[in-house]
C-alpha cells in the first residue's frame, strides 16, 4: 500500500504523544528530551495541532494502513525580517518503516508546503553530525551543509554536534517535488500552531 502523508491533526486521537518515540529511540537526534516532552499533557500536544490562520508550525504524519510511521515538522518564522525562512524539524521515521521512501515523501511534502508560501525562499534544518544516511537524504533533496555547530545537544554526559543545512527553493525550479500541475500543494493549506 502507498503511504499517505497528511497534516498531523490526525495524529493524536488516541495515539498518545507522537514525538516521544523518536526521542527515546534516538535521543541525539532531537533537541528536546523525553523528560521535557514526556510529562506534557495531551492537551499540550493537541494545542500544537490546533488550526489557526497565523500558526507558526505545521506537522505531517506518514501513515501506512492508518499506522503512524513517521513525522516531520515545518516551522514558520514570525519575525518580519526573517519570514523568508522556514525550518524543517522533528523528522523521524520509525525503524520498522525505514528504507521504504517515507523520509523522502515527508521531505517532499515539507518542500511543497514551503513553496506554497510566496514569501518563503529557504528551508533550514540541522542533522546530527555523523548521521550519514540522513544527511545524504537531505542532500539528495537539495539541501546543502553550511556549518557545524559543536556541542549543539547534550545527551547524558556527552555532547553531539549538528550539521546546519539549507535549501534554496528557487534552485528547485523545474522540480515537481510535492506539487500538482497547478503548483499547489496536494494537501490543504491549513497551518497548525
N, C-alpha and C. Protein backbone atom coordinates (compact mmCIF):
# COMPACT_ATOMS: atom_id res chain seq x y z
N UNK A 1 0.83 -1.19 0.00
CA UNK A 1 0.00 0.00 0.00
C UNK A 1 0.88 1.25 0.00
N UNK A 2 0.49 2.23 -0.78
CA UNK A 2 1.21 3.50 -0.88
C UNK A 2 1.03 4.29 0.42
N UNK A 3 2.13 4.76 1.04
CA UNK A 3 2.00 5.52 2.27
C UNK A 3 1.31 6.86 2.01
N UNK A 4 0.57 7.32 3.01
CA UNK A 4 -0.12 8.61 2.93
C UNK A 4 0.60 9.59 3.83
N UNK A 5 0.83 10.80 3.33
CA UNK A 5 1.39 11.87 4.15
C UNK A 5 0.33 12.94 4.25
N UNK A 6 0.00 13.31 5.48
CA UNK A 6 -1.05 14.30 5.67
C UNK A 6 -0.78 15.12 6.93
N UNK A 7 -1.44 16.28 7.04
CA UNK A 7 -1.25 17.09 8.25
C UNK A 7 -1.57 16.27 9.48
N UNK A 8 -0.85 16.52 10.56
CA UNK A 8 -0.91 15.63 11.69
C UNK A 8 -2.07 15.87 12.63
N UNK A 9 -3.05 16.69 12.28
CA UNK A 9 -4.20 16.79 13.18
C UNK A 9 -4.81 15.41 13.36
N UNK A 10 -4.47 14.48 12.46
CA UNK A 10 -4.95 13.11 12.57
C UNK A 10 -4.07 12.26 13.49
N UNK A 11 -2.95 12.79 13.93
CA UNK A 11 -2.00 12.01 14.73
C UNK A 11 -2.53 11.67 16.11
N UNK A 12 -3.13 12.63 16.74
CA UNK A 12 -3.38 12.50 18.16
C UNK A 12 -4.50 11.50 18.45
N UNK A 13 -5.72 11.82 18.21
CA UNK A 13 -6.85 10.96 18.55
C UNK A 13 -6.50 10.13 19.79
N UNK A 14 -6.31 8.85 19.68
CA UNK A 14 -5.96 8.05 20.86
C UNK A 14 -4.54 7.51 20.76
N UNK A 15 -3.73 8.09 19.91
CA UNK A 15 -2.40 7.54 19.68
C UNK A 15 -1.38 8.00 20.70
N UNK A 16 -1.72 8.95 21.54
CA UNK A 16 -0.77 9.39 22.55
C UNK A 16 0.14 10.49 22.04
N UNK A 17 1.33 10.55 22.57
CA UNK A 17 2.28 11.63 22.29
C UNK A 17 3.26 11.16 21.23
N UNK A 18 3.13 11.61 19.99
CA UNK A 18 3.87 11.02 18.88
C UNK A 18 5.38 11.19 18.90
N UNK A 19 5.89 12.30 19.36
CA UNK A 19 7.31 12.55 19.17
C UNK A 19 8.18 11.83 20.18
N UNK A 20 7.65 11.44 21.33
CA UNK A 20 8.50 10.83 22.35
C UNK A 20 9.07 9.49 21.91
N UNK A 21 8.45 8.79 20.99
CA UNK A 21 9.01 7.53 20.49
C UNK A 21 10.34 7.78 19.79
N UNK A 22 10.40 8.80 18.98
CA UNK A 22 11.64 9.15 18.30
C UNK A 22 12.70 9.62 19.28
N UNK A 23 12.29 10.40 20.25
CA UNK A 23 13.24 10.91 21.23
C UNK A 23 13.83 9.78 22.08
N UNK A 24 13.02 8.78 22.37
CA UNK A 24 13.52 7.64 23.14
C UNK A 24 14.51 6.80 22.30
N UNK A 25 14.15 6.55 21.05
CA UNK A 25 14.98 5.69 20.19
C UNK A 25 16.27 6.37 19.76
N UNK A 26 16.22 7.68 19.54
CA UNK A 26 17.39 8.42 19.01
C UNK A 26 17.55 9.75 19.75
N UNK A 27 17.93 9.72 21.02
CA UNK A 27 17.99 10.97 21.80
C UNK A 27 18.97 12.00 21.27
N UNK A 28 20.00 11.55 20.53
CA UNK A 28 20.97 12.50 20.00
C UNK A 28 20.45 13.25 18.78
N UNK A 29 19.30 12.83 18.24
CA UNK A 29 18.75 13.47 17.04
C UNK A 29 17.77 14.58 17.36
N UNK A 30 17.35 14.70 18.61
CA UNK A 30 16.33 15.69 18.98
C UNK A 30 16.88 16.63 20.03
N UNK A 31 16.54 17.90 19.91
CA UNK A 31 16.96 18.89 20.90
C UNK A 31 16.16 18.74 22.18
N UNK A 32 14.88 18.41 22.07
CA UNK A 32 14.04 18.18 23.24
C UNK A 32 14.32 16.80 23.80
N UNK A 33 14.17 16.66 25.12
CA UNK A 33 14.39 15.36 25.74
C UNK A 33 13.07 14.69 26.08
N UNK A 34 13.12 13.41 26.32
CA UNK A 34 11.94 12.67 26.74
C UNK A 34 11.41 13.25 28.05
N UNK A 35 12.30 13.61 28.95
CA UNK A 35 11.88 14.18 30.23
C UNK A 35 11.10 15.48 30.02
N UNK A 36 11.54 16.31 29.08
CA UNK A 36 10.84 17.58 28.82
C UNK A 36 9.48 17.35 28.21
N UNK A 37 9.40 16.46 27.24
CA UNK A 37 8.17 16.27 26.49
C UNK A 37 7.27 15.17 27.05
N UNK A 38 7.86 14.16 27.68
CA UNK A 38 7.09 13.00 28.12
C UNK A 38 6.03 13.30 29.15
N UNK A 39 6.27 14.32 29.99
CA UNK A 39 5.31 14.64 31.05
C UNK A 39 4.29 15.69 30.63
N UNK A 40 4.41 16.20 29.43
CA UNK A 40 3.45 17.21 28.99
C UNK A 40 2.08 16.56 28.79
N UNK A 41 1.03 17.26 29.17
CA UNK A 41 -0.31 16.68 29.00
C UNK A 41 -0.68 16.58 27.52
N UNK A 42 -1.60 15.69 27.22
CA UNK A 42 -2.06 15.52 25.86
C UNK A 42 -2.59 16.84 25.29
N UNK A 43 -3.15 17.69 26.14
CA UNK A 43 -3.67 18.99 25.68
C UNK A 43 -2.57 19.85 25.08
N UNK A 44 -1.31 19.72 25.58
CA UNK A 44 -0.20 20.48 25.00
C UNK A 44 0.04 20.04 23.57
N UNK A 45 0.06 18.71 23.36
CA UNK A 45 0.27 18.17 22.01
C UNK A 45 -0.86 18.60 21.09
N UNK A 46 -2.08 18.52 21.58
CA UNK A 46 -3.23 18.93 20.76
C UNK A 46 -3.16 20.41 20.43
N UNK A 47 -2.68 21.22 21.38
CA UNK A 47 -2.56 22.66 21.16
C UNK A 47 -1.61 22.99 20.03
N UNK A 48 -0.57 22.19 19.84
CA UNK A 48 0.37 22.42 18.74
C UNK A 48 -0.28 22.13 17.40
N UNK A 49 -1.37 21.39 17.41
CA UNK A 49 -2.01 20.97 16.17
C UNK A 49 -3.32 21.68 15.91
N UNK A 50 -3.63 22.66 16.74
CA UNK A 50 -4.87 23.39 16.56
C UNK A 50 -4.78 24.24 15.30
N UNK A 51 -5.86 24.23 14.52
CA UNK A 51 -5.85 25.04 13.30
C UNK A 51 -5.83 26.51 13.65
N UNK A 52 -5.13 27.28 12.84
CA UNK A 52 -5.05 28.71 13.06
C UNK A 52 -4.62 29.43 11.80
N UNK A 53 -4.98 30.69 11.71
CA UNK A 53 -4.64 31.44 10.50
C UNK A 53 -3.22 31.96 10.50
N UNK A 54 -2.63 32.15 11.67
CA UNK A 54 -1.24 32.61 11.72
C UNK A 54 -0.42 31.66 12.58
N UNK A 55 -0.66 30.39 12.43
CA UNK A 55 0.08 29.39 13.18
C UNK A 55 1.54 29.41 12.77
N UNK A 56 2.39 29.01 13.70
CA UNK A 56 3.82 29.06 13.42
C UNK A 56 4.42 27.70 13.06
N UNK A 57 3.64 26.64 13.13
CA UNK A 57 4.15 25.31 12.81
C UNK A 57 3.12 24.47 12.08
N UNK A 58 3.64 23.52 11.33
CA UNK A 58 2.84 22.50 10.66
C UNK A 58 3.55 21.18 10.88
N UNK A 59 2.84 20.14 11.22
CA UNK A 59 3.45 18.84 11.44
C UNK A 59 2.74 17.84 10.53
N UNK A 60 3.53 16.99 9.88
CA UNK A 60 2.98 16.00 8.96
C UNK A 60 3.24 14.60 9.50
N UNK A 61 2.30 13.72 9.24
CA UNK A 61 2.48 12.32 9.59
C UNK A 61 2.49 11.47 8.34
N UNK A 62 3.33 10.46 8.32
CA UNK A 62 3.33 9.47 7.24
C UNK A 62 2.66 8.22 7.82
N UNK A 63 1.63 7.75 7.15
CA UNK A 63 0.83 6.64 7.64
C UNK A 63 0.85 5.49 6.66
N UNK A 64 0.96 4.29 7.19
CA UNK A 64 0.79 3.07 6.41
C UNK A 64 -0.32 2.29 7.10
N UNK A 65 -1.39 2.01 6.36
CA UNK A 65 -2.57 1.32 6.93
C UNK A 65 -3.04 2.04 8.20
N UNK A 66 -3.10 3.35 8.18
CA UNK A 66 -3.51 4.18 9.31
C UNK A 66 -2.61 4.07 10.54
N UNK A 67 -1.43 3.50 10.38
CA UNK A 67 -0.46 3.45 11.46
C UNK A 67 0.59 4.53 11.22
N UNK A 68 0.85 5.32 12.26
CA UNK A 68 1.83 6.38 12.15
C UNK A 68 3.22 5.77 11.98
N UNK A 69 3.86 6.08 10.85
CA UNK A 69 5.18 5.52 10.54
C UNK A 69 6.29 6.56 10.62
N UNK A 70 5.95 7.84 10.48
CA UNK A 70 6.96 8.88 10.54
C UNK A 70 6.34 10.25 10.66
N UNK A 71 7.14 11.23 11.07
CA UNK A 71 6.68 12.61 11.22
C UNK A 71 7.76 13.57 10.74
N UNK A 72 7.34 14.75 10.36
CA UNK A 72 8.25 15.86 10.05
C UNK A 72 7.48 17.15 10.27
N UNK A 73 8.18 18.16 10.75
CA UNK A 73 7.53 19.43 11.01
C UNK A 73 8.13 20.55 10.19
N UNK A 74 7.34 21.59 10.04
CA UNK A 74 7.77 22.80 9.34
C UNK A 74 7.43 23.98 10.23
N UNK A 75 8.43 24.75 10.59
CA UNK A 75 8.25 25.89 11.48
C UNK A 75 8.43 27.17 10.67
N UNK A 76 7.45 28.05 10.78
CA UNK A 76 7.45 29.31 10.04
C UNK A 76 7.99 30.42 10.92
N UNK A 77 8.89 31.20 10.39
CA UNK A 77 9.47 32.33 11.11
C UNK A 77 8.42 33.43 11.20
N UNK A 78 8.24 34.00 12.39
CA UNK A 78 7.22 35.04 12.56
C UNK A 78 7.81 36.45 12.55
N UNK A 79 9.13 36.56 12.72
CA UNK A 79 9.74 37.89 12.70
C UNK A 79 9.79 38.41 11.26
N UNK A 80 9.42 39.65 11.08
CA UNK A 80 9.28 40.27 9.76
C UNK A 80 10.53 40.11 8.88
N UNK A 81 11.70 40.34 9.44
CA UNK A 81 12.93 40.29 8.65
C UNK A 81 13.39 38.88 8.34
N UNK A 82 12.75 37.89 8.93
CA UNK A 82 13.17 36.50 8.71
C UNK A 82 12.05 35.63 8.15
N UNK A 83 10.96 36.25 7.69
CA UNK A 83 9.82 35.47 7.19
C UNK A 83 10.11 34.69 5.92
N UNK A 84 11.24 34.95 5.32
CA UNK A 84 11.61 34.22 4.10
C UNK A 84 12.20 32.84 4.42
N UNK A 85 12.39 32.54 5.72
CA UNK A 85 12.99 31.27 6.14
C UNK A 85 11.97 30.41 6.87
N UNK A 86 12.03 29.11 6.63
CA UNK A 86 11.28 28.13 7.41
C UNK A 86 12.26 27.06 7.87
N UNK A 87 11.85 26.28 8.86
CA UNK A 87 12.75 25.27 9.42
C UNK A 87 12.06 23.92 9.42
N UNK A 88 12.73 22.92 8.87
CA UNK A 88 12.27 21.54 8.94
C UNK A 88 12.75 21.02 10.30
N UNK A 89 11.84 20.43 11.08
CA UNK A 89 12.21 19.93 12.39
C UNK A 89 11.52 18.60 12.68
N UNK A 90 12.05 17.88 13.65
CA UNK A 90 11.40 16.68 14.16
C UNK A 90 11.25 15.54 13.17
N UNK A 91 12.08 15.49 12.16
CA UNK A 91 12.00 14.44 11.14
C UNK A 91 12.34 13.09 11.79
N UNK A 92 11.43 12.14 11.64
CA UNK A 92 11.64 10.83 12.24
C UNK A 92 10.79 9.79 11.53
N UNK A 93 11.42 8.69 11.14
CA UNK A 93 10.71 7.54 10.58
C UNK A 93 11.03 6.35 11.49
N UNK A 94 9.99 5.70 11.98
CA UNK A 94 10.19 4.56 12.87
C UNK A 94 11.06 3.50 12.18
N UNK A 95 11.91 2.86 12.97
CA UNK A 95 12.87 1.89 12.43
C UNK A 95 12.20 0.84 11.55
N UNK A 96 11.04 0.34 11.95
CA UNK A 96 10.38 -0.73 11.19
C UNK A 96 9.83 -0.25 9.85
N UNK A 97 9.80 1.05 9.62
CA UNK A 97 9.29 1.60 8.35
C UNK A 97 10.37 2.27 7.52
N UNK A 98 11.62 2.19 7.95
CA UNK A 98 12.69 2.84 7.19
C UNK A 98 12.97 2.07 5.91
N UNK A 99 13.63 2.75 4.98
CA UNK A 99 14.02 2.21 3.67
C UNK A 99 12.81 1.87 2.79
N UNK A 100 11.71 2.63 2.99
CA UNK A 100 10.51 2.46 2.17
C UNK A 100 10.12 3.77 1.48
N UNK A 101 11.00 4.76 1.54
CA UNK A 101 10.73 6.03 0.87
C UNK A 101 9.91 7.02 1.70
N UNK A 102 9.63 6.72 2.96
CA UNK A 102 8.81 7.63 3.77
C UNK A 102 9.53 8.93 4.08
N UNK A 103 10.83 8.85 4.37
CA UNK A 103 11.60 10.07 4.63
C UNK A 103 11.54 11.01 3.45
N UNK A 104 11.70 10.47 2.26
CA UNK A 104 11.64 11.27 1.03
C UNK A 104 10.25 11.90 0.88
N UNK A 105 9.20 11.11 1.12
CA UNK A 105 7.83 11.64 1.00
C UNK A 105 7.59 12.77 2.00
N UNK A 106 8.07 12.61 3.22
CA UNK A 106 7.91 13.67 4.22
C UNK A 106 8.65 14.94 3.79
N UNK A 107 9.90 14.78 3.34
CA UNK A 107 10.67 15.95 2.89
C UNK A 107 9.99 16.60 1.69
N UNK A 108 9.51 15.80 0.75
CA UNK A 108 8.82 16.35 -0.42
C UNK A 108 7.61 17.18 0.00
N UNK A 109 6.86 16.70 0.98
CA UNK A 109 5.68 17.45 1.42
C UNK A 109 6.07 18.73 2.15
N UNK A 110 7.13 18.68 2.94
CA UNK A 110 7.62 19.89 3.60
C UNK A 110 8.04 20.92 2.55
N UNK A 111 8.78 20.48 1.53
CA UNK A 111 9.19 21.38 0.45
C UNK A 111 7.96 21.94 -0.26
N UNK A 112 7.01 21.10 -0.53
CA UNK A 112 5.78 21.53 -1.20
C UNK A 112 5.07 22.63 -0.39
N UNK A 113 4.92 22.39 0.90
CA UNK A 113 4.26 23.39 1.74
C UNK A 113 5.06 24.69 1.80
N UNK A 114 6.37 24.58 1.91
CA UNK A 114 7.21 25.79 1.95
C UNK A 114 7.08 26.57 0.64
N UNK A 115 7.06 25.86 -0.47
CA UNK A 115 6.95 26.53 -1.78
C UNK A 115 5.58 27.16 -1.98
N UNK A 116 4.56 26.66 -1.29
CA UNK A 116 3.21 27.22 -1.45
C UNK A 116 3.06 28.57 -0.75
N UNK A 117 4.04 28.95 0.07
CA UNK A 117 4.03 30.25 0.75
C UNK A 117 4.91 31.21 -0.04
N UNK A 118 4.31 32.24 -0.59
CA UNK A 118 5.03 33.11 -1.53
C UNK A 118 6.25 33.79 -0.94
N UNK A 119 6.27 34.06 0.35
CA UNK A 119 7.41 34.75 0.96
C UNK A 119 8.58 33.82 1.25
N UNK A 120 8.36 32.52 1.24
CA UNK A 120 9.39 31.58 1.65
C UNK A 120 10.43 31.38 0.55
N UNK A 121 11.69 31.58 0.92
CA UNK A 121 12.80 31.43 -0.03
C UNK A 121 13.70 30.25 0.31
N UNK A 122 13.85 29.95 1.62
CA UNK A 122 14.76 28.87 2.01
C UNK A 122 14.16 28.02 3.14
N UNK A 123 14.62 26.77 3.20
CA UNK A 123 14.32 25.87 4.31
C UNK A 123 15.65 25.56 4.98
N UNK A 124 15.66 25.61 6.29
CA UNK A 124 16.86 25.26 7.05
C UNK A 124 16.55 24.04 7.93
N UNK A 125 17.60 23.32 8.31
CA UNK A 125 17.46 22.18 9.22
C UNK A 125 18.79 21.91 9.86
N UNK A 126 18.78 21.08 10.89
CA UNK A 126 20.01 20.55 11.45
C UNK A 126 19.90 19.04 11.47
N UNK A 127 21.03 18.37 11.31
CA UNK A 127 21.11 16.92 11.38
C UNK A 127 22.32 16.58 12.24
N UNK A 128 22.18 15.54 13.05
CA UNK A 128 23.27 15.14 13.93
C UNK A 128 24.51 14.78 13.11
N UNK A 129 25.64 15.37 13.46
CA UNK A 129 26.90 15.07 12.77
C UNK A 129 27.16 13.57 12.88
N UNK A 130 27.51 12.96 11.76
CA UNK A 130 27.77 11.53 11.73
C UNK A 130 26.59 10.69 11.29
N UNK A 131 25.40 11.31 11.18
CA UNK A 131 24.23 10.58 10.70
C UNK A 131 24.23 10.66 9.17
N UNK A 132 25.13 9.89 8.58
CA UNK A 132 25.35 9.95 7.13
C UNK A 132 24.11 9.61 6.31
N UNK A 133 23.32 8.60 6.66
CA UNK A 133 22.12 8.31 5.85
C UNK A 133 21.15 9.49 5.81
N UNK A 134 20.92 10.13 6.95
CA UNK A 134 20.01 11.28 6.98
C UNK A 134 20.58 12.45 6.18
N UNK A 135 21.88 12.71 6.35
CA UNK A 135 22.48 13.83 5.61
C UNK A 135 22.42 13.57 4.11
N UNK A 136 22.67 12.32 3.68
CA UNK A 136 22.57 12.00 2.24
C UNK A 136 21.15 12.22 1.73
N UNK A 137 20.15 11.82 2.52
CA UNK A 137 18.76 12.03 2.12
C UNK A 137 18.47 13.52 1.93
N UNK A 138 18.90 14.34 2.88
CA UNK A 138 18.68 15.78 2.76
C UNK A 138 19.43 16.36 1.56
N UNK A 139 20.67 15.94 1.36
CA UNK A 139 21.45 16.44 0.23
C UNK A 139 20.80 16.04 -1.10
N UNK A 140 20.26 14.84 -1.18
CA UNK A 140 19.61 14.40 -2.42
C UNK A 140 18.30 15.14 -2.67
N UNK A 141 17.80 15.82 -1.64
CA UNK A 141 16.58 16.62 -1.78
C UNK A 141 16.87 18.09 -2.02
N UNK A 142 18.16 18.44 -2.16
CA UNK A 142 18.53 19.82 -2.48
C UNK A 142 19.11 20.61 -1.33
N UNK A 143 19.30 20.00 -0.17
CA UNK A 143 19.88 20.70 0.98
C UNK A 143 21.40 20.67 0.90
N UNK A 144 22.02 21.77 1.37
CA UNK A 144 23.47 21.93 1.32
C UNK A 144 23.95 22.27 2.73
N UNK A 145 25.02 21.60 3.21
CA UNK A 145 25.56 21.96 4.52
C UNK A 145 26.21 23.33 4.49
N UNK A 146 26.07 24.09 5.58
CA UNK A 146 26.74 25.38 5.63
C UNK A 146 27.49 25.62 6.93
N UNK A 147 27.54 24.64 7.79
CA UNK A 147 28.31 24.81 9.02
C UNK A 147 28.02 23.69 10.00
N UNK A 148 28.92 23.57 10.96
CA UNK A 148 28.76 22.58 12.02
C UNK A 148 28.76 23.31 13.36
N UNK A 149 27.76 23.01 14.16
CA UNK A 149 27.66 23.59 15.49
C UNK A 149 28.18 22.56 16.50
N UNK A 150 29.35 22.82 17.09
CA UNK A 150 29.86 21.87 18.08
C UNK A 150 29.07 21.98 19.38
N UNK A 151 29.02 20.90 20.14
CA UNK A 151 28.34 20.88 21.44
C UNK A 151 26.89 21.36 21.32
N UNK A 152 26.22 21.02 20.25
CA UNK A 152 24.86 21.53 20.00
C UNK A 152 23.82 20.95 20.94
N UNK A 153 23.95 19.66 21.26
CA UNK A 153 22.96 18.98 22.10
C UNK A 153 23.70 18.12 23.11
N UNK A 154 23.26 18.20 24.37
CA UNK A 154 23.84 17.36 25.41
C UNK A 154 22.95 16.15 25.60
N UNK A 155 23.55 14.97 25.51
CA UNK A 155 22.84 13.71 25.73
C UNK A 155 23.55 13.00 26.87
N UNK A 156 22.95 13.02 28.04
CA UNK A 156 23.63 12.50 29.22
C UNK A 156 24.85 13.35 29.51
N UNK A 157 26.00 12.71 29.61
CA UNK A 157 27.25 13.44 29.88
C UNK A 157 27.99 13.81 28.60
N UNK A 158 27.49 13.35 27.45
CA UNK A 158 28.16 13.60 26.17
C UNK A 158 27.48 14.74 25.41
N UNK A 159 28.17 15.24 24.41
CA UNK A 159 27.65 16.29 23.54
C UNK A 159 27.75 15.82 22.09
N UNK A 160 26.78 16.22 21.29
CA UNK A 160 26.84 15.93 19.86
C UNK A 160 26.79 17.23 19.09
N UNK A 161 27.41 17.20 17.93
CA UNK A 161 27.42 18.36 17.04
C UNK A 161 26.28 18.24 16.05
N UNK A 162 25.86 19.37 15.50
CA UNK A 162 24.81 19.39 14.48
C UNK A 162 25.33 20.04 13.22
N UNK A 163 25.01 19.43 12.09
CA UNK A 163 25.34 20.00 10.78
C UNK A 163 24.14 20.87 10.38
N UNK A 164 24.40 22.14 10.09
CA UNK A 164 23.36 23.05 9.63
C UNK A 164 23.27 22.94 8.10
N UNK A 165 22.05 22.82 7.59
CA UNK A 165 21.84 22.69 6.15
C UNK A 165 20.75 23.65 5.71
N UNK A 166 20.77 23.97 4.43
CA UNK A 166 19.73 24.84 3.88
C UNK A 166 19.41 24.42 2.46
N UNK A 167 18.22 24.78 2.03
CA UNK A 167 17.76 24.50 0.67
C UNK A 167 17.19 25.79 0.10
N UNK A 168 17.76 26.22 -1.02
CA UNK A 168 17.29 27.41 -1.71
C UNK A 168 16.14 26.98 -2.62
N UNK A 169 14.92 27.36 -2.27
CA UNK A 169 13.75 26.90 -3.02
C UNK A 169 13.75 27.37 -4.46
N UNK A 170 14.40 28.50 -4.74
CA UNK A 170 14.42 28.98 -6.13
C UNK A 170 15.28 28.08 -7.02
N UNK A 171 16.20 27.33 -6.42
CA UNK A 171 17.03 26.42 -7.20
C UNK A 171 16.29 25.13 -7.55
N UNK A 172 15.14 24.92 -6.93
CA UNK A 172 14.34 23.73 -7.22
C UNK A 172 13.36 23.97 -8.35
N UNK A 173 13.47 25.11 -9.02
CA UNK A 173 12.58 25.41 -10.16
C UNK A 173 12.72 24.30 -11.19
N UNK A 174 11.58 23.84 -11.67
CA UNK A 174 11.60 22.74 -12.62
C UNK A 174 11.39 21.41 -11.93
N UNK A 175 11.60 21.40 -10.61
CA UNK A 175 11.34 20.19 -9.84
C UNK A 175 9.86 20.14 -9.51
N UNK A 176 9.29 18.98 -9.54
CA UNK A 176 7.87 18.87 -9.22
C UNK A 176 7.68 18.33 -7.81
N UNK A 177 8.69 18.52 -6.97
CA UNK A 177 8.63 17.99 -5.62
C UNK A 177 7.36 18.43 -4.93
N UNK A 178 6.48 17.46 -4.67
CA UNK A 178 5.29 17.71 -3.87
C UNK A 178 4.26 18.63 -4.47
N UNK A 179 4.36 18.99 -5.74
CA UNK A 179 3.40 19.93 -6.30
C UNK A 179 2.54 19.25 -7.36
N UNK A 180 1.32 19.74 -7.45
CA UNK A 180 0.43 19.27 -8.51
C UNK A 180 0.71 20.11 -9.75
N UNK A 181 -0.05 19.87 -10.82
CA UNK A 181 0.15 20.64 -12.06
C UNK A 181 -0.02 22.14 -11.85
N UNK A 182 -0.87 22.53 -10.91
CA UNK A 182 -1.13 23.95 -10.70
C UNK A 182 -0.08 24.59 -9.80
N UNK A 183 0.84 23.78 -9.28
CA UNK A 183 1.83 24.33 -8.38
C UNK A 183 1.34 24.41 -6.96
N UNK A 184 0.14 23.94 -6.69
CA UNK A 184 -0.42 23.98 -5.34
C UNK A 184 -0.11 22.68 -4.62
N UNK A 185 -0.09 22.75 -3.33
CA UNK A 185 0.13 21.57 -2.51
C UNK A 185 -0.99 20.58 -2.70
N UNK A 186 -0.66 19.30 -2.63
CA UNK A 186 -1.69 18.27 -2.68
C UNK A 186 -2.45 18.19 -1.36
N UNK A 187 -1.93 18.83 -0.32
CA UNK A 187 -2.61 18.85 0.97
C UNK A 187 -3.28 20.19 1.15
N UNK A 188 -4.15 20.27 2.15
CA UNK A 188 -4.78 21.54 2.45
C UNK A 188 -3.71 22.53 2.91
N UNK A 189 -3.99 23.78 2.81
CA UNK A 189 -3.01 24.79 3.18
C UNK A 189 -3.21 25.27 4.61
N UNK A 190 -3.98 24.52 5.43
CA UNK A 190 -4.15 24.95 6.81
C UNK A 190 -2.85 24.74 7.56
N UNK A 191 -2.59 25.62 8.48
CA UNK A 191 -1.42 25.51 9.33
C UNK A 191 -1.89 25.19 10.73
N UNK A 192 -0.97 24.71 11.53
CA UNK A 192 -1.28 24.31 12.90
C UNK A 192 -0.31 24.99 13.83
N UNK A 193 -0.81 25.48 14.97
CA UNK A 193 0.11 26.12 15.92
C UNK A 193 0.42 25.20 17.06
